[in-house]
Each structure stands twice: as structure tokens, then as C-alpha cells.
Amino acid sequence: MKIAMVGLGRMGANMARRLIRGGHSVVGYNRTDRVTKELVAEAGLISAFSLKDLAELLEPPRVVWLMIPAGATTEDHIDQLIHILSPGDILVDGGNAYFQDTLRRAILLADRGFHFLDVGVSGGIWGLKEGFSLMIGGDEKIVEHLTPIFQTLAPGPDLGWGRVGPHGAGHYVKMVHNGIEYGMMEALAEGFDLMRSCKDFDFDLYQISKIWQHGSVVRSWLLDLLSAALAEDQDLHELKGWVADSGEGRWTVFEAINNDVPAPVITLSLFRRFESRQEERYAAKLLAAMRNQFGGHEVRKSEEQEKT
């Protein structure tokens, strides 16, 4: 098939590479021309240096896949494409959009005569080699039309991809997927932190991660990635414990609250990420102050106070 990929970042570029290797013709557009030119030379990408150029390089019904940041960037690109593409063309949003935004965009595009799919994409930088997990929302006929694309991107023709429901369902499932990911990562991090703190046994954390990779009930791809990090430096000297969140964990917690579904592990893992960004928590200072006030418990002065 012939398809356009808008957004050639780490995920988009590898998706384009995998499609080209699978025999598809890919037109690529990126905000920075350098990335586009590199993929032309390396992978055989067909270059486009504007959305208008991209549309002219496709034949109706055009298929345009967006792999760009959720929010304003996606909104802007869809608004531009509405005025460039033609009714009957297909837009695919593969970004981590909030499902409520997706539902609104699906109505807007349908009113203009466009077809639309929302696809939650997982696989990170390993997707080129291992394949991408694809959670698809939208019309069954459009999913069927694009099946060769999904089969090439996925780990196998019948593995790791599928239509999970109507518009919005793909991004909803990806939202929950990432919320679960938060909890799994937090549990692994806490467990290894606990073993590192136990000085009685002087554990080799890398060795333990390798043991757990085979036969253990906690074996997983996340454990594989943790093991790879420990192989380089068990103390992680070059890293700072600052952890971002890209939105999906927050949306998962919001949905849990809205639907009266208890999700304490996911919620706590999100708050732990917030905590990682604070150099020194004011709340912790207040806890120490209150314990000192009611019980005379020990407090530790700040570094600046100790110098005076």
C-alpha cells in the first residue's frame, strides 16, 4: 500500500522503516527537513516537505498516519489536512491523544466526509525489530482496508494488533495500557530498591534480574529493559531520579474516579512520578515539623542552616 507518515520522531521513523521493509511505499513529512532527508537516503522514504506536497504524492483514497504529540500539535495538523485532503481520504491518529478529544475529532472528520481511525501504538524504540502493538478504534471496513499496514507494523500478521471498538476505543485502551505500565514499573523499581538497601547480602542486582527473566512469574519486557540498564551500571550514576509523565497515567486516574473504579496502584505510581520531580518536598518538611512539635522527635537541619 501507499501511505503517508506525518511525524518522523523515534516512533514514526521506525514505523516508516518497518513499512518500507515490508514492501509498502511511504511518503514522509517531518517538521525538520533533516530527519526526512536522512530517511530518504537510509530507507528509501519518499520525501515531502509540506503537508500540501504530501497530499499531492498520494492517490485517492489517501491514507495519512499522524505520529505527532497529542494536543495542540495534533489539532493543528488535522485542521490543516481537512483543507488539503479530499472527502473519502483516511486519517489515522497514532499519537497518545485523550480519548474524549478523539471522539470529538471523529465527529468533525465524519461531518467533512473523511474516514478516521485512532490507534494506540506501543513498542517504543524496539518496535522496528520486534513489531508494534496496535490498539485500533474506528469503522471495521476502514480497519479491514488498512489490514496490510497493521499486519506489517505488528509483531506478526495475527499477533499484537486488533480493532478494540469504535472511535475512541483505541486511544482509551492505550490510556489504560500506559496506566498499567506505570504501576508495573513502580513495583519493579521499589523491589530492586529494597534489595539494594539490604546490606547484609550485598546483592548483585543484575544477576537477580537475569534469573527472573527465565521462568519467573514477574518476567516481562520491562524486566528485560531494567536488566539491560543494570548491566551498564548498577548504581545508575549518570541518571537523575526525575521521572516525567506524558498524560496517559493522569487520564487513567481521572477515568477511574469518574467510573468509581478503585485503582490505587496506578494512582500511587503516578504520584510517585510527581514526587520524583521535587528536589525537597515541602510536605516532608511539615511532617518532620509536626513530629518535632508533638513528640520532640529528631529533625535534621537543611544544609544551608547547618553551615550557619
C-alpha atoms as a PDB file:
ATOM      1  CA  MET A   1       0.000   0.000   0.000  1.00  0.00           C
ATOM      2  CA  LYS A   2       0.953   3.651  -0.203  1.00  0.00           C
ATOM      3  CA  ILE A   3       0.731   5.666   2.999  1.00  0.00           C
ATOM      4  CA  ALA A   4       1.965   8.982   4.363  1.00  0.00           C
ATOM      5  CA  MET A   5       3.631   9.237   7.770  1.00  0.00           C
ATOM      6  CA  VAL A   6       3.448  12.670   9.409  1.00  0.00           C
ATOM      7  CA  GLY A   7       5.957  12.893  12.236  1.00  0.00           C
ATOM      8  CA  LEU A   8       9.279  11.093  11.927  1.00  0.00           C
ATOM      9  CA  GLY A   9      10.405  11.047  15.532  1.00  0.00           C
ATOM     10  CA  ARG A  10      11.650   7.900  17.246  1.00  0.00           C
ATOM     11  CA  MET A  11       8.367   6.031  16.798  1.00  0.00           C
ATOM     12  CA  GLY A  12       7.271   7.494  13.473  1.00  0.00           C
ATOM     13  CA  ALA A  13      10.642   6.969  11.818  1.00  0.00           C
ATOM     14  CA  ASN A  14      10.836   3.327  12.885  1.00  0.00           C
ATOM     15  CA  MET A  15       7.271   2.717  11.752  1.00  0.00           C
ATOM     16  CA  ALA A  16       8.162   4.180   8.363  1.00  0.00           C
ATOM     17  CA  ARG A  17      11.261   1.958   8.189  1.00  0.00           C
ATOM     18  CA  ARG A  18       9.278  -1.161   9.068  1.00  0.00           C
ATOM     19  CA  LEU A  19       6.614  -0.383   6.470  1.00  0.00           C
ATOM     20  CA  ILE A  20       9.198   0.220   3.748  1.00  0.00           C
ATOM     21  CA  ARG A  21      10.978  -3.023   4.625  1.00  0.00           C
ATOM     22  CA  GLY A  22       7.594  -4.734   4.381  1.00  0.00           C
ATOM     23  CA  GLY A  23       7.135  -3.588   0.797  1.00  0.00           C
ATOM     24  CA  HIS A  24       4.921  -0.541   1.308  1.00  0.00           C
ATOM     25  CA  SER A  25       5.519   2.861  -0.245  1.00  0.00           C
ATOM     26  CA  VAL A  26       5.855   5.543   2.439  1.00  0.00           C
ATOM     27  CA  VAL A  27       5.703   9.298   1.955  1.00  0.00           C
ATOM     28  CA  GLY A  28       7.203  11.057   4.942  1.00  0.00           C
ATOM     29  CA  TYR A  29       6.858  14.562   6.328  1.00  0.00           C
ATOM     30  CA  ASN A  30       8.537  15.960   9.417  1.00  0.00           C
ATOM     31  CA  ARG A  31       8.720  19.430  10.915  1.00  0.00           C
ATOM     32  CA  THR A  32      12.512  19.378  10.471  1.00  0.00           C
ATOM     33  CA  ASP A  33      13.713  18.549   6.962  1.00  0.00           C
ATOM     34  CA  ARG A  34      16.941  16.946   8.168  1.00  0.00           C
ATOM     35  CA  VAL A  35      15.179  13.848   9.522  1.00  0.00           C
ATOM     36  CA  THR A  36      13.203  13.437   6.315  1.00  0.00           C
ATOM     37  CA  LYS A  37      16.332  13.636   4.166  1.00  0.00           C
ATOM     38  CA  GLU A  38      18.124  11.103   6.350  1.00  0.00           C
ATOM     39  CA  LEU A  39      15.303   8.581   5.925  1.00  0.00           C
ATOM     40  CA  VAL A  40      15.236   9.160   2.172  1.00  0.00           C
ATOM     41  CA  ALA A  41      18.927   8.212   1.954  1.00  0.00           C
ATOM     42  CA  GLU A  42      18.792   5.411   4.511  1.00  0.00           C
ATOM     43  CA  ALA A  43      15.460   3.695   3.965  1.00  0.00           C
ATOM     44  CA  GLY A  44      14.005   4.793   0.639  1.00  0.00           C
ATOM     45  CA  LEU A  45      11.391   7.139   2.056  1.00  0.00           C
ATOM     46  CA  ILE A  46       9.543   9.376  -0.423  1.00  0.00           C
ATOM     47  CA  SER A  47      10.110  12.911   0.830  1.00  0.00           C
ATOM     48  CA  ALA A  48       7.518  15.613   1.364  1.00  0.00           C
ATOM     49  CA  PHE A  49       8.440  18.991   2.802  1.00  0.00           C
ATOM     50  CA  SER A  50       4.929  20.308   3.387  1.00  0.00           C
ATOM     51  CA  LEU A  51       1.519  18.790   4.018  1.00  0.00           C
ATOM     52  CA  LYS A  52       0.417  20.023   0.617  1.00  0.00           C
ATOM     53  CA  ASP A  53       3.318  18.222  -1.069  1.00  0.00           C
ATOM     54  CA  LEU A  54       2.436  15.113   0.886  1.00  0.00           C
ATOM     55  CA  ALA A  55      -1.155  15.133  -0.357  1.00  0.00           C
ATOM     56  CA  GLU A  56      -0.020  15.545  -3.963  1.00  0.00           C
ATOM     57  CA  LEU A  57       2.215  12.474  -3.685  1.00  0.00           C
ATOM     58  CA  LEU A  58      -0.695  10.216  -2.695  1.00  0.00           C
ATOM     59  CA  GLU A  59      -3.529   8.778  -4.747  1.00  0.00           C
ATOM     60  CA  PRO A  60      -7.165   8.802  -3.530  1.00  0.00           C
ATOM     61  CA  PRO A  61      -8.257   7.478  -1.193  1.00  0.00           C
ATOM     62  CA  ARG A  62      -5.211   8.919   0.567  1.00  0.00           C
ATOM     63  CA  VAL A  63      -4.020   7.384   3.819  1.00  0.00           C
ATOM     64  CA  VAL A  64      -2.271   9.781   6.239  1.00  0.00           C
ATOM     65  CA  TRP A  65      -0.959   8.498   9.562  1.00  0.00           C
ATOM     66  CA  LEU A  66      -0.163  11.085  12.260  1.00  0.00           C
ATOM     67  CA  MET A  67       2.613  10.224  14.739  1.00  0.00           C
ATOM     68  CA  ILE A  68       2.908  13.588  16.455  1.00  0.00           C
ATOM     69  CA  PRO A  69       2.408  14.918  20.007  1.00  0.00           C
ATOM     70  CA  ALA A  70      -1.134  14.868  21.339  1.00  0.00           C
ATOM     71  CA  GLY A  71      -2.982  18.091  21.997  1.00  0.00           C
ATOM     72  CA  ALA A  72      -2.431  21.324  20.114  1.00  0.00           C
ATOM     73  CA  THR A  73       0.018  19.829  17.597  1.00  0.00           C
ATOM     74  CA  THR A  74      -2.426  17.115  16.548  1.00  0.00           C
ATOM     75  CA  GLU A  75      -5.291  19.615  16.478  1.00  0.00           C
ATOM     76  CA  ASP A  76      -3.335  21.958  14.210  1.00  0.00           C
ATOM     77  CA  HIS A  77      -2.315  19.239  11.761  1.00  0.00           C
ATOM     78  CA  ILE A  78      -5.833  17.845  11.473  1.00  0.00           C
ATOM     79  CA  ASP A  79      -7.170  21.346  10.859  1.00  0.00           C
ATOM     80  CA  GLN A  80      -4.639  21.836   8.053  1.00  0.00           C
ATOM     81  CA  LEU A  81      -5.274  18.424   6.497  1.00  0.00           C
ATOM     82  CA  ILE A  82      -9.036  18.987   6.406  1.00  0.00           C
ATOM     83  CA  HIS A  83      -8.384  21.798   3.922  1.00  0.00           C
ATOM     84  CA  ILE A  84      -5.792  19.859   1.914  1.00  0.00           C
ATOM     85  CA  LEU A  85      -7.206  16.336   1.632  1.00  0.00           C
ATOM     86  CA  SER A  86     -10.468  15.272  -0.015  1.00  0.00           C
ATOM     87  CA  PRO A  87     -13.610  13.554   1.293  1.00  0.00           C
ATOM     88  CA  GLY A  88     -13.078   9.820   1.322  1.00  0.00           C
ATOM     89  CA  ASP A  89      -9.457  10.082   2.444  1.00  0.00           C
ATOM     90  CA  ILE A  90      -8.366   8.303   5.628  1.00  0.00           C
ATOM     91  CA  LEU A  91      -6.722   9.922   8.643  1.00  0.00           C
ATOM     92  CA  VAL A  92      -5.080   7.772  11.329  1.00  0.00           C
ATOM     93  CA  ASP A  93      -4.093   9.290  14.670  1.00  0.00           C
ATOM     94  CA  GLY A  94      -1.372   7.116  16.206  1.00  0.00           C
ATOM     95  CA  GLY A  95      -0.445   9.568  18.953  1.00  0.00           C
ATOM     96  CA  ASN A  96      -1.378   9.311  22.621  1.00  0.00           C
ATOM     97  CA  ALA A  97      -4.449  11.509  22.337  1.00  0.00           C
ATOM     98  CA  TYR A  98      -7.041  11.836  25.090  1.00  0.00           C
ATOM     99  CA  PHE A  99      -9.972   9.680  24.001  1.00  0.00           C
ATOM    100  CA  GLN A 100     -12.511  12.464  24.533  1.00  0.00           C
ATOM    101  CA  ASP A 101     -10.573  14.614  22.034  1.00  0.00           C
ATOM    102  CA  THR A 102     -10.576  11.639  19.683  1.00  0.00           C
ATOM    103  CA  LEU A 103     -14.361  11.290  19.889  1.00  0.00           C
ATOM    104  CA  ARG A 104     -14.764  14.975  19.066  1.00  0.00           C
ATOM    105  CA  ARG A 105     -12.360  14.761  16.122  1.00  0.00           C
ATOM    106  CA  ALA A 106     -14.097  11.664  14.774  1.00  0.00           C
ATOM    107  CA  ILE A 107     -17.391  13.575  14.575  1.00  0.00           C
ATOM    108  CA  LEU A 108     -15.709  16.591  12.962  1.00  0.00           C
ATOM    109  CA  LEU A 109     -13.980  14.488  10.317  1.00  0.00           C
ATOM    110  CA  ALA A 110     -17.081  12.407   9.584  1.00  0.00           C
ATOM    111  CA  ASP A 111     -19.082  15.600   9.026  1.00  0.00           C
ATOM    112  CA  ARG A 112     -16.460  16.628   6.444  1.00  0.00           C
ATOM    113  CA  GLY A 113     -16.600  13.255   4.687  1.00  0.00           C
ATOM    114  CA  PHE A 114     -13.302  11.837   5.967  1.00  0.00           C
ATOM    115  CA  HIS A 115     -12.624   8.408   7.427  1.00  0.00           C
ATOM    116  CA  PHE A 116     -10.787   8.248  10.728  1.00  0.00           C
ATOM    117  CA  LEU A 117      -9.078   5.675  12.951  1.00  0.00           C
ATOM    118  CA  ASP A 118      -7.481   6.123  16.343  1.00  0.00           C
ATOM    119  CA  VAL A 119      -4.616   3.740  17.023  1.00  0.00           C
ATOM    120  CA  GLY A 120      -2.831   3.298  20.320  1.00  0.00           C
ATOM    121  CA  VAL A 121       0.745   2.351  19.497  1.00  0.00           C
ATOM    122  CA  SER A 122       3.153   0.648  21.891  1.00  0.00           C
ATOM    123  CA  GLY A 123       6.625  -0.673  21.244  1.00  0.00           C
ATOM    124  CA  GLY A 124       8.934   2.272  21.759  1.00  0.00           C
ATOM    125  CA  ILE A 125      12.325   2.237  20.096  1.00  0.00           C
ATOM    126  CA  TRP A 126      12.218  -1.579  19.907  1.00  0.00           C
ATOM    127  CA  GLY A 127       9.224  -1.598  17.582  1.00  0.00           C
ATOM    128  CA  LEU A 128      11.328  -1.631  14.422  1.00  0.00           C
ATOM    129  CA  LYS A 129      12.797  -5.014  15.328  1.00  0.00           C
ATOM    130  CA  GLU A 130      10.053  -6.570  17.460  1.00  0.00           C
ATOM    131  CA  GLY A 131       6.962  -5.008  15.904  1.00  0.00           C
ATOM    132  CA  PHE A 132       4.431  -2.573  17.361  1.00  0.00           C
ATOM    133  CA  SER A 133       1.375  -3.352  19.464  1.00  0.00           C
ATOM    134  CA  LEU A 134      -1.630  -1.659  17.829  1.00  0.00           C
ATOM    135  CA  MET A 135      -4.965  -0.954  19.556  1.00  0.00           C
ATOM    136  CA  ILE A 136      -7.390   0.292  16.903  1.00  0.00           C
ATOM    137  CA  GLY A 137     -10.640   2.209  17.198  1.00  0.00           C
ATOM    138  CA  GLY A 138     -12.951   3.027  14.308  1.00  0.00           C
ATOM    139  CA  ASP A 139     -15.025   1.630  11.474  1.00  0.00           C
ATOM    140  CA  GLU A 140     -14.498  -2.061  10.729  1.00  0.00           C
ATOM    141  CA  LYS A 141     -14.403  -1.513   6.959  1.00  0.00           C
ATOM    142  CA  ILE A 142     -11.593   1.034   7.231  1.00  0.00           C
ATOM    143  CA  VAL A 143      -9.661  -1.279   9.551  1.00  0.00           C
ATOM    144  CA  GLU A 144     -10.083  -4.052   7.004  1.00  0.00           C
ATOM    145  CA  HIS A 145      -8.880  -1.739   4.214  1.00  0.00           C
ATOM    146  CA  LEU A 146      -5.704  -0.943   6.157  1.00  0.00           C
ATOM    147  CA  THR A 147      -5.068  -4.502   7.334  1.00  0.00           C
ATOM    148  CA  PRO A 148      -1.855  -4.869   5.251  1.00  0.00           C
ATOM    149  CA  ILE A 149      -0.435  -1.833   7.066  1.00  0.00           C
ATOM    150  CA  PHE A 150      -1.342  -3.184  10.504  1.00  0.00           C
ATOM    151  CA  GLN A 151      -0.013  -6.650   9.716  1.00  0.00           C
ATOM    152  CA  THR A 152       3.345  -5.200   8.677  1.00  0.00           C
ATOM    153  CA  LEU A 153       3.696  -2.938  11.707  1.00  0.00           C
ATOM    154  CA  ALA A 154       2.624  -5.599  14.215  1.00  0.00           C
ATOM    155  CA  PRO A 155       4.849  -8.391  15.594  1.00  0.00           C
ATOM    156  CA  GLY A 156       3.039 -10.816  13.293  1.00  0.00           C
ATOM    157  CA  PRO A 157       0.136 -10.847  10.812  1.00  0.00           C
ATOM    158  CA  ASP A 158      -2.206 -12.137  13.512  1.00  0.00           C
ATOM    159  CA  LEU A 159      -0.291 -11.033  16.599  1.00  0.00           C
ATOM    160  CA  GLY A 160      -0.227  -7.822  18.613  1.00  0.00           C
ATOM    161  CA  TRP A 161      -2.905  -5.845  16.815  1.00  0.00           C
ATOM    162  CA  GLY A 162      -6.669  -5.609  16.528  1.00  0.00           C
ATOM    163  CA  ARG A 163      -9.752  -3.444  16.422  1.00  0.00           C
ATOM    164  CA  VAL A 164     -10.881  -2.959  20.013  1.00  0.00           C
ATOM    165  CA  GLY A 165     -14.033  -0.931  19.351  1.00  0.00           C
ATOM    166  CA  PRO A 166     -15.494   2.183  17.679  1.00  0.00           C
ATOM    167  CA  HIS A 167     -13.918   5.647  17.530  1.00  0.00           C
ATOM    168  CA  GLY A 168     -12.081   6.497  20.728  1.00  0.00           C
ATOM    169  CA  ALA A 169     -11.667   2.892  21.843  1.00  0.00           C
ATOM    170  CA  GLY A 170      -8.107   2.605  20.556  1.00  0.00           C
ATOM    171  CA  HIS A 171      -6.894   5.604  22.493  1.00  0.00           C
ATOM    172  CA  TYR A 172      -8.887   4.559  25.573  1.00  0.00           C
ATOM    173  CA  VAL A 173      -7.220   1.134  25.655  1.00  0.00           C
ATOM    174  CA  LYS A 174      -3.785   2.724  25.129  1.00  0.00           C
ATOM    175  CA  MET A 175      -4.502   5.094  28.025  1.00  0.00           C
ATOM    176  CA  VAL A 176      -5.232   2.172  30.350  1.00  0.00           C
ATOM    177  CA  HIS A 177      -2.225   0.275  28.947  1.00  0.00           C
ATOM    178  CA  ASN A 178       0.061   3.125  29.976  1.00  0.00           C
ATOM    179  CA  GLY A 179      -1.554   3.401  33.398  1.00  0.00           C
ATOM    180  CA  ILE A 180      -0.814  -0.291  33.983  1.00  0.00           C
ATOM    181  CA  GLU A 181       2.715   0.310  32.727  1.00  0.00           C
ATOM    182  CA  TYR A 182       3.182   2.990  35.416  1.00  0.00           C
ATOM    183  CA  GLY A 183       2.226   0.513  38.137  1.00  0.00           C
ATOM    184  CA  MET A 184       4.430  -2.294  36.821  1.00  0.00           C
ATOM    185  CA  MET A 185       7.434  -0.010  36.526  1.00  0.00           C
ATOM    186  CA  GLU A 186       6.934   1.346  40.038  1.00  0.00           C
ATOM    187  CA  ALA A 187       6.704  -2.154  41.519  1.00  0.00           C
ATOM    188  CA  LEU A 188       9.915  -3.278  39.805  1.00  0.00           C
ATOM    189  CA  ALA A 189      11.719  -0.105  40.857  1.00  0.00           C
ATOM    190  CA  GLU A 190      10.640  -0.456  44.502  1.00  0.00           C
ATOM    191  CA  GLY A 191      11.594  -4.133  44.667  1.00  0.00           C
ATOM    192  CA  PHE A 192      15.085  -3.585  43.339  1.00  0.00           C
ATOM    193  CA  ASP A 193      15.496  -0.545  45.579  1.00  0.00           C
ATOM    194  CA  LEU A 194      14.633  -2.716  48.571  1.00  0.00           C
ATOM    195  CA  MET A 195      17.233  -5.337  47.607  1.00  0.00           C
ATOM    196  CA  ARG A 196      19.859  -2.651  47.039  1.00  0.00           C
ATOM    197  CA  SER A 197      19.235  -1.245  50.525  1.00  0.00           C
ATOM    198  CA  CYS A 198      19.793  -4.651  52.204  1.00  0.00           C
ATOM    199  CA  LYS A 199      23.485  -4.532  53.081  1.00  0.00           C
ATOM    200  CA  ASP A 200      23.501  -7.968  54.778  1.00  0.00           C
ATOM    201  CA  PHE A 201      23.627  -9.827  51.468  1.00  0.00           C
ATOM    202  CA  ASP A 202      25.312  -7.423  49.035  1.00  0.00           C
ATOM    203  CA  PHE A 203      23.023  -8.498  46.200  1.00  0.00           C
ATOM    204  CA  ASP A 204      24.134  -8.448  42.574  1.00  0.00           C
ATOM    205  CA  LEU A 205      21.014  -6.811  41.153  1.00  0.00           C
ATOM    206  CA  TYR A 206      21.962  -7.541  37.562  1.00  0.00           C
ATOM    207  CA  GLN A 207      22.334 -11.251  38.372  1.00  0.00           C
ATOM    208  CA  ILE A 208      18.914 -11.291  40.034  1.00  0.00           C
ATOM    209  CA  SER A 209      17.307  -9.568  37.050  1.00  0.00           C
ATOM    210  CA  LYS A 210      18.792 -12.246  34.761  1.00  0.00           C
ATOM    211  CA  ILE A 211      17.481 -15.034  36.999  1.00  0.00           C
ATOM    212  CA  TRP A 212      13.995 -13.543  36.982  1.00  0.00           C
ATOM    213  CA  GLN A 213      13.951 -13.269  33.194  1.00  0.00           C
ATOM    214  CA  HIS A 214      13.560 -17.040  32.881  1.00  0.00           C
ATOM    215  CA  GLY A 215      10.724 -18.978  34.479  1.00  0.00           C
ATOM    216  CA  SER A 216       9.720 -16.293  36.976  1.00  0.00           C
ATOM    217  CA  VAL A 217       6.119 -15.101  37.150  1.00  0.00           C
ATOM    218  CA  VAL A 218       7.375 -11.491  37.044  1.00  0.00           C
ATOM    219  CA  ARG A 219       9.356 -11.957  33.820  1.00  0.00           C
ATOM    220  CA  SER A 220       8.420  -9.264  31.321  1.00  0.00           C
ATOM    221  CA  TRP A 221       9.765  -6.887  28.701  1.00  0.00           C
ATOM    222  CA  LEU A 222      10.029  -4.195  31.363  1.00  0.00           C
ATOM    223  CA  LEU A 223      12.214  -6.538  33.413  1.00  0.00           C
ATOM    224  CA  ASP A 224      14.355  -7.121  30.307  1.00  0.00           C
ATOM    225  CA  LEU A 225      14.832  -3.362  29.936  1.00  0.00           C
ATOM    226  CA  LEU A 226      15.625  -2.990  33.641  1.00  0.00           C
ATOM    227  CA  SER A 227      18.201  -5.746  33.327  1.00  0.00           C
ATOM    228  CA  ALA A 228      19.823  -4.013  30.354  1.00  0.00           C
ATOM    229  CA  ALA A 229      20.128  -0.807  32.396  1.00  0.00           C
ATOM    230  CA  LEU A 230      21.672  -2.636  35.345  1.00  0.00           C
ATOM    231  CA  ALA A 231      24.197  -4.335  33.076  1.00  0.00           C
ATOM    232  CA  GLU A 232      25.711  -0.937  32.295  1.00  0.00           C
ATOM    233  CA  ASP A 233      25.826   0.480  35.827  1.00  0.00           C
ATOM    234  CA  GLN A 234      24.054  -0.964  38.866  1.00  0.00           C
ATOM    235  CA  ASP A 235      24.306   2.346  40.738  1.00  0.00           C
ATOM    236  CA  LEU A 236      22.992   4.339  37.760  1.00  0.00           C
ATOM    237  CA  HIS A 237      25.479   7.120  38.480  1.00  0.00           C
ATOM    238  CA  GLU A 238      24.703   9.081  35.325  1.00  0.00           C
ATOM    239  CA  LEU A 239      20.946   9.222  35.875  1.00  0.00           C
ATOM    240  CA  LYS A 240      18.865  11.582  37.965  1.00  0.00           C
ATOM    241  CA  GLY A 241      15.720  10.171  39.586  1.00  0.00           C
ATOM    242  CA  TRP A 242      13.445  12.567  37.721  1.00  0.00           C
ATOM    243  CA  VAL A 243      10.506  10.812  36.027  1.00  0.00           C
ATOM    244  CA  ALA A 244       8.142  12.506  33.587  1.00  0.00           C
ATOM    245  CA  ASP A 245       4.586  11.511  32.734  1.00  0.00           C
ATOM    246  CA  SER A 246       3.141  12.063  29.286  1.00  0.00           C
ATOM    247  CA  GLY A 247      -0.524  12.303  30.283  1.00  0.00           C
ATOM    248  CA  GLU A 248      -1.958   8.809  29.925  1.00  0.00           C
ATOM    249  CA  GLY A 249      -1.460   7.929  33.599  1.00  0.00           C
ATOM    250  CA  ARG A 250      -3.341  11.050  34.666  1.00  0.00           C
ATOM    251  CA  TRP A 251      -6.201  10.289  32.272  1.00  0.00           C
ATOM    252  CA  THR A 252      -6.394   6.724  33.567  1.00  0.00           C
ATOM    253  CA  VAL A 253      -6.742   8.017  37.133  1.00  0.00           C
ATOM    254  CA  PHE A 254      -9.394  10.530  36.027  1.00  0.00           C
ATOM    255  CA  GLU A 255     -11.368   7.714  34.379  1.00  0.00           C
ATOM    256  CA  ALA A 256     -11.074   5.549  37.482  1.00  0.00           C
ATOM    257  CA  ILE A 257     -12.527   8.388  39.562  1.00  0.00           C
ATOM    258  CA  ASN A 258     -15.284   9.129  37.026  1.00  0.00           C
ATOM    259  CA  ASN A 259     -16.324   5.468  36.895  1.00  0.00           C
ATOM    260  CA  ASP A 260     -15.962   4.740  40.639  1.00  0.00           C
ATOM    261  CA  VAL A 261     -13.313   2.115  39.926  1.00  0.00           C
ATOM    262  CA  PRO A 262     -10.606   1.761  42.593  1.00  0.00           C
ATOM    263  CA  ALA A 263      -7.156   1.988  41.009  1.00  0.00           C
ATOM    264  CA  PRO A 264      -4.812   2.595  43.959  1.00  0.00           C
ATOM    265  CA  VAL A 265      -1.655   1.118  42.394  1.00  0.00           C
ATOM    266  CA  ILE A 266      -1.884   3.164  39.202  1.00  0.00           C
ATOM    267  CA  THR A 267      -2.796   6.292  41.166  1.00  0.00           C
ATOM    268  CA  LEU A 268       0.087   5.919  43.589  1.00  0.00           C
ATOM    269  CA  SER A 269       2.560   5.210  40.779  1.00  0.00           C
ATOM    270  CA  LEU A 270       1.508   8.472  39.126  1.00  0.00           C
ATOM    271  CA  PHE A 271       2.006  10.403  42.385  1.00  0.00           C
ATOM    272  CA  ARG A 272       5.420   8.802  42.797  1.00  0.00           C
ATOM    273  CA  ARG A 273       6.399  10.329  39.474  1.00  0.00           C
ATOM    274  CA  PHE A 274       5.303  13.728  40.729  1.00  0.00           C
ATOM    275  CA  GLU A 275       7.380  13.158  43.855  1.00  0.00           C
ATOM    276  CA  SER A 276      10.478  12.378  41.781  1.00  0.00           C
ATOM    277  CA  ARG A 277      10.471  15.922  40.404  1.00  0.00           C
ATOM    278  CA  GLN A 278      10.684  17.651  43.763  1.00  0.00           C
ATOM    279  CA  GLU A 279      14.171  18.450  44.976  1.00  0.00           C
ATOM    280  CA  GLU A 280      12.880  18.610  48.523  1.00  0.00           C
ATOM    281  CA  ARG A 281       9.236  18.099  49.401  1.00  0.00           C
ATOM    282  CA  TYR A 282       7.598  20.836  51.463  1.00  0.00           C
ATOM    283  CA  ALA A 283       5.121  18.248  52.759  1.00  0.00           C
ATOM    284  CA  ALA A 284       8.009  16.182  54.177  1.00  0.00           C
ATOM    285  CA  LYS A 285       9.296  19.260  55.983  1.00  0.00           C
ATOM    286  CA  LEU A 286       5.855  19.791  57.522  1.00  0.00           C
ATOM    287  CA  LEU A 287       5.715  16.138  58.636  1.00  0.00           C
ATOM    288  CA  ALA A 288       9.089  16.498  60.350  1.00  0.00           C
ATOM    289  CA  ALA A 289       7.999  19.770  61.990  1.00  0.00           C
ATOM    290  CA  MET A 290       4.757  18.274  63.353  1.00  0.00           C
ATOM    291  CA  ARG A 291       6.541  15.204  64.784  1.00  0.00           C
ATOM    292  CA  ASN A 292       9.019  17.507  66.487  1.00  0.00           C
ATOM    293  CA  GLN A 293       6.236  19.701  67.887  1.00  0.00           C
ATOM    294  CA  PHE A 294       4.141  16.949  69.460  1.00  0.00           C
ATOM    295  CA  GLY A 295       6.829  14.462  70.447  1.00  0.00           C
ATOM    296  CA  GLY A 296      10.152  16.208  70.361  1.00  0.00           C
ATOM    297  CA  HIS A 297      11.288  13.829  67.629  1.00  0.00           C
ATOM    298  CA  GLU A 298      14.623  14.414  65.917  1.00  0.00           C
ATOM    299  CA  VAL A 299      14.740  16.807  62.987  1.00  0.00           C
ATOM    300  CA  ARG A 300      17.545  17.418  60.519  1.00  0.00           C
ATOM    301  CA  LYS A 301      18.502  20.939  59.509  1.00  0.00           C
ATOM    302  CA  SER A 302      18.878  21.974  55.890  1.00  0.00           C
ATOM    303  CA  GLU A 303      22.417  22.176  54.501  1.00  0.00           C
ATOM    304  CA  GLU A 304      22.252  25.984  54.479  1.00  0.00           C
ATOM    305  CA  GLN A 305      21.163  26.057  58.138  1.00  0.00           C
ATOM    306  CA  GLU A 306      23.937  23.668  59.201  1.00  0.00           C
ATOM    307  CA  LYS A 307      26.551  25.979  57.669  1.00  0.00           C
ATOM    308  CA  THR A 308      25.462  28.915  59.851  1.00  0.00           C
END
